Amino acid sequence: MNLPDFLVEVPLGDIRMRGSRISLYHVISLYKEGYSPERLHEEYPTLSVELIQKVIGFYLENWAEVDAYVARCEAELARLEATTPRVLNWEEMRRKMEAQGWPKKP
């Protein structure tokens, strides 16, 4: 995808607003949920309404490529969620540590 000067690809394939840590994924996901440029600005006040309008214009002109990018992001988020433990089980952790001799006595 050819990115305009207000977007930049960073390591690992994320696309962000130039000079920001805000991802194209987040802006477009909210836009697709019905957020207006003004509402997106409220969510991300460091992005000007004009920049948000440019991003939306880029999306509308390149929707297939941007939707594919969004789908890749969602797949990666789902993969991470599926492989991340939900809750740390303190009792199990305590048993494992005690089995290893913790707390160590001097």
Protein backbone atom coordinates (compact mmCIF):
# COMPACT_ATOMS: atom_id res chain seq x y z
CA MET A 1 0.00 0.00 0.00
CA ASN A 2 1.40 3.41 -0.93
CA LEU A 3 1.14 5.61 2.12
CA PRO A 4 0.65 9.37 1.97
CA ASP A 5 3.03 11.64 3.85
CA PHE A 6 0.78 11.79 6.95
CA LEU A 7 1.03 8.01 7.53
CA VAL A 8 4.13 5.98 8.28
CA GLU A 9 4.76 2.25 8.57
CA VAL A 10 6.68 1.29 11.69
CA PRO A 11 8.42 -1.99 12.54
CA LEU A 12 6.20 -5.08 12.62
CA GLY A 13 3.89 -3.59 9.99
CA ASP A 14 1.88 -1.15 12.08
CA ILE A 15 0.77 2.01 10.28
CA ARG A 16 0.59 5.18 12.38
CA MET A 17 -0.11 8.84 12.01
CA ARG A 18 3.26 10.49 11.33
CA GLY A 19 4.64 11.93 14.57
CA SER A 20 2.17 9.96 16.67
CA ARG A 21 1.78 6.55 18.25
CA ILE A 22 -1.86 6.38 17.16
CA SER A 23 -2.48 3.57 14.71
CA LEU A 24 -4.43 3.70 11.48
CA TYR A 25 -6.14 0.56 12.79
CA HIS A 26 -7.64 2.41 15.76
CA VAL A 27 -8.85 5.41 13.77
CA ILE A 28 -10.41 3.32 10.99
CA SER A 29 -11.96 0.82 13.40
CA LEU A 30 -13.75 3.62 15.23
CA TYR A 31 -14.70 5.31 11.96
CA LYS A 32 -16.28 2.05 10.79
CA GLU A 33 -18.22 1.96 14.07
CA GLY A 34 -19.75 5.31 13.11
CA TYR A 35 -17.44 7.85 14.76
CA SER A 36 -17.37 11.21 12.98
CA PRO A 37 -14.10 13.12 12.48
CA GLU A 38 -15.09 15.37 15.37
CA ARG A 39 -15.80 12.39 17.65
CA LEU A 40 -12.49 10.80 16.62
CA HIS A 41 -10.79 14.07 17.56
CA GLU A 42 -12.42 13.86 21.01
CA GLU A 43 -11.05 10.32 21.34
CA TYR A 44 -7.60 11.31 20.04
CA PRO A 45 -7.21 15.03 20.78
CA THR A 46 -3.60 15.08 19.56
CA LEU A 47 -4.91 14.43 16.04
CA SER A 48 -6.42 17.44 14.31
CA VAL A 49 -9.83 17.14 12.66
CA GLU A 50 -8.11 17.99 9.36
CA LEU A 51 -5.68 15.07 9.74
CA ILE A 52 -8.52 12.74 10.66
CA GLN A 53 -10.40 13.86 7.54
CA LYS A 54 -7.30 13.11 5.44
CA VAL A 55 -7.04 9.66 7.01
CA ILE A 56 -10.70 8.94 6.29
CA GLY A 57 -10.24 10.19 2.72
CA PHE A 58 -7.26 7.86 2.33
CA TYR A 59 -9.39 5.01 3.66
CA LEU A 60 -12.26 5.75 1.26
CA GLU A 61 -9.85 5.82 -1.69
CA ASN A 62 -8.02 2.66 -0.60
CA TRP A 63 -10.68 0.79 1.34
CA ALA A 64 -9.77 -2.71 0.12
CA GLU A 65 -6.13 -2.39 1.17
CA VAL A 66 -6.95 -0.64 4.44
CA ASP A 67 -9.65 -3.21 5.27
CA ALA A 68 -7.08 -5.97 4.65
CA TYR A 69 -4.67 -4.18 7.01
CA VAL A 70 -7.42 -3.84 9.65
CA ALA A 71 -8.26 -7.55 9.26
CA ARG A 72 -4.58 -8.47 9.82
CA CYS A 73 -4.51 -6.32 12.96
CA GLU A 74 -7.70 -7.93 14.27
CA ALA A 75 -6.34 -11.41 13.57
CA GLU A 76 -3.14 -10.62 15.46
CA LEU A 77 -5.11 -9.18 18.39
CA ALA A 78 -7.28 -12.31 18.47
CA ARG A 79 -4.17 -14.51 18.40
CA LEU A 80 -2.60 -12.59 21.27
CA GLU A 81 -5.80 -12.72 23.28
CA ALA A 82 -6.10 -16.48 22.74
CA THR A 83 -2.54 -17.13 23.87
CA THR A 84 -2.46 -14.78 26.87
CA PRO A 85 -3.47 -16.20 30.24
CA ARG A 86 -6.64 -14.59 31.48
CA VAL A 87 -6.03 -14.46 35.20
CA LEU A 88 -2.99 -15.20 37.27
CA ASN A 89 -3.89 -18.01 39.65
CA TRP A 90 -2.15 -16.96 42.85
CA GLU A 91 -2.77 -20.25 44.64
CA GLU A 92 -1.20 -22.22 41.81
CA MET A 93 1.71 -19.77 41.71
CA ARG A 94 2.22 -20.11 45.47
CA ARG A 95 2.22 -23.95 45.26
CA LYS A 96 4.78 -23.89 42.43
CA MET A 97 7.03 -21.49 44.31
CA GLU A 98 6.80 -23.51 47.51
CA ALA A 99 7.61 -26.70 45.56
CA GLN A 100 10.77 -24.95 44.35
CA GLY A 101 11.72 -24.02 47.91
CA TRP A 102 10.50 -20.42 47.98
CA PRO A 103 10.80 -18.37 49.99
CA LYS A 104 14.48 -19.18 50.20
CA LYS A 105 15.83 -19.19 53.72
CA PRO A 106 19.29 -17.70 54.33
